[in-house]
Amino acid sequence: MARVRHPAPRGGAAADRPLPAEAAIYDLSGRLVHTVHGGPIARGLTTATWDGRGPGGERVPAGVYVLRFSAGGGTAVARIVRF
């Protein structure tokens, strides 16, 4: 299981409104493996969790993957090694 914590932007006139966000897993060729989260999130610290499975519930092969988290105009990228 992989977890990445990312601070979503705070402040501004819309500080109480949720932000559109997406957390997605890609293989090293850039192919989308699984969308972990797609939709609004609360502002502040956010945790995205991936259980190593694809969209159909199948376990993906061992290897290196990339988690891309985008929210409020910001993006964070983390490398994940699945054994």
Protein backbone atom coordinates (compact mmCIF):
# COMPACT_ATOMS: atom_id res chain seq x y z
CA MET A 1 0.00 0.00 0.00
CA ALA A 2 1.31 3.44 -0.85
CA ARG A 3 0.37 6.70 0.87
CA VAL A 4 1.35 10.22 -0.11
CA ARG A 5 0.41 13.27 1.95
CA HIS A 6 0.05 16.55 0.12
CA PRO A 7 -1.03 19.95 1.45
CA ALA A 8 -3.90 21.28 -0.66
CA PRO A 9 -3.82 25.07 -1.07
CA ARG A 10 -5.44 27.14 1.70
CA GLY A 11 -6.66 30.69 2.00
CA GLY A 12 -8.14 33.11 -0.48
CA ALA A 13 -11.75 34.12 -0.98
CA ALA A 14 -12.89 30.54 -1.58
CA ALA A 15 -11.11 29.06 1.46
CA ASP A 16 -14.17 27.13 2.63
CA ARG A 17 -14.98 25.56 -0.73
CA PRO A 18 -13.63 22.13 -1.73
CA LEU A 19 -11.04 21.93 -4.49
CA PRO A 20 -11.23 19.79 -7.63
CA ALA A 21 -8.49 17.15 -7.31
CA GLU A 22 -7.12 14.05 -8.94
CA ALA A 23 -4.71 11.38 -7.73
CA ALA A 24 -3.67 8.93 -10.44
CA ILE A 25 -1.12 6.13 -10.81
CA TYR A 26 0.93 5.80 -14.02
CA ASP A 27 3.47 3.26 -15.19
CA LEU A 28 6.87 4.46 -16.39
CA SER A 29 5.69 4.58 -20.02
CA GLY A 30 3.09 7.18 -18.97
CA ARG A 31 0.09 4.85 -19.24
CA LEU A 32 -2.68 5.46 -16.69
CA VAL A 33 -2.85 2.44 -14.38
CA HIS A 34 -5.52 3.58 -11.93
CA THR A 35 -7.28 6.77 -10.79
CA VAL A 36 -7.11 6.70 -7.00
CA HIS A 37 -9.23 9.84 -6.51
CA GLY A 38 -11.10 12.13 -8.84
CA GLY A 39 -13.36 14.78 -7.37
CA PRO A 40 -13.51 17.49 -4.74
CA ILE A 41 -11.32 17.47 -1.62
CA ALA A 42 -11.27 19.67 1.47
CA ARG A 43 -8.46 22.20 1.71
CA GLY A 44 -5.55 21.30 3.97
CA LEU A 45 -3.46 18.17 4.30
CA THR A 46 -4.73 15.34 2.08
CA THR A 47 -3.73 11.67 1.95
CA ALA A 48 -3.99 9.58 -1.22
CA THR A 49 -3.83 5.78 -0.77
CA TRP A 50 -3.24 3.12 -3.43
CA ASP A 51 -3.58 -0.59 -2.67
CA GLY A 52 -1.53 -1.78 -5.67
CA ARG A 53 -4.59 -2.75 -7.70
CA GLY A 54 -5.89 -1.67 -11.09
CA PRO A 55 -9.41 -0.39 -11.81
CA GLY A 56 -10.81 -3.94 -12.07
CA GLY A 57 -9.40 -4.95 -8.67
CA GLU A 58 -6.51 -6.96 -10.14
CA ARG A 59 -3.06 -6.63 -8.58
CA VAL A 60 -0.67 -4.78 -10.89
CA PRO A 61 2.78 -6.28 -11.57
CA ALA A 62 5.74 -5.42 -9.32
CA GLY A 63 7.65 -2.40 -10.57
CA VAL A 64 8.04 1.35 -10.35
CA TYR A 65 4.96 3.56 -10.69
CA VAL A 66 4.31 7.29 -10.48
CA LEU A 67 1.60 8.92 -8.37
CA ARG A 68 0.48 12.30 -9.70
CA PHE A 69 -1.66 14.40 -7.35
CA SER A 70 -3.20 17.64 -8.63
CA ALA A 71 -5.36 20.09 -6.68
CA GLY A 72 -6.03 23.81 -6.83
CA GLY A 73 -3.54 24.44 -9.62
CA GLY A 74 -0.69 22.62 -7.85
CA THR A 75 0.78 19.22 -8.65
CA ALA A 76 2.90 16.77 -6.67
CA VAL A 77 4.57 13.68 -8.08
CA ALA A 78 5.91 10.69 -6.12
CA ARG A 79 7.65 7.53 -7.23
CA ILE A 80 6.20 4.30 -5.86
CA VAL A 81 7.98 0.94 -5.91
CA ARG A 82 5.61 -2.03 -5.78
CA PHE A 83 7.19 -5.35 -4.72
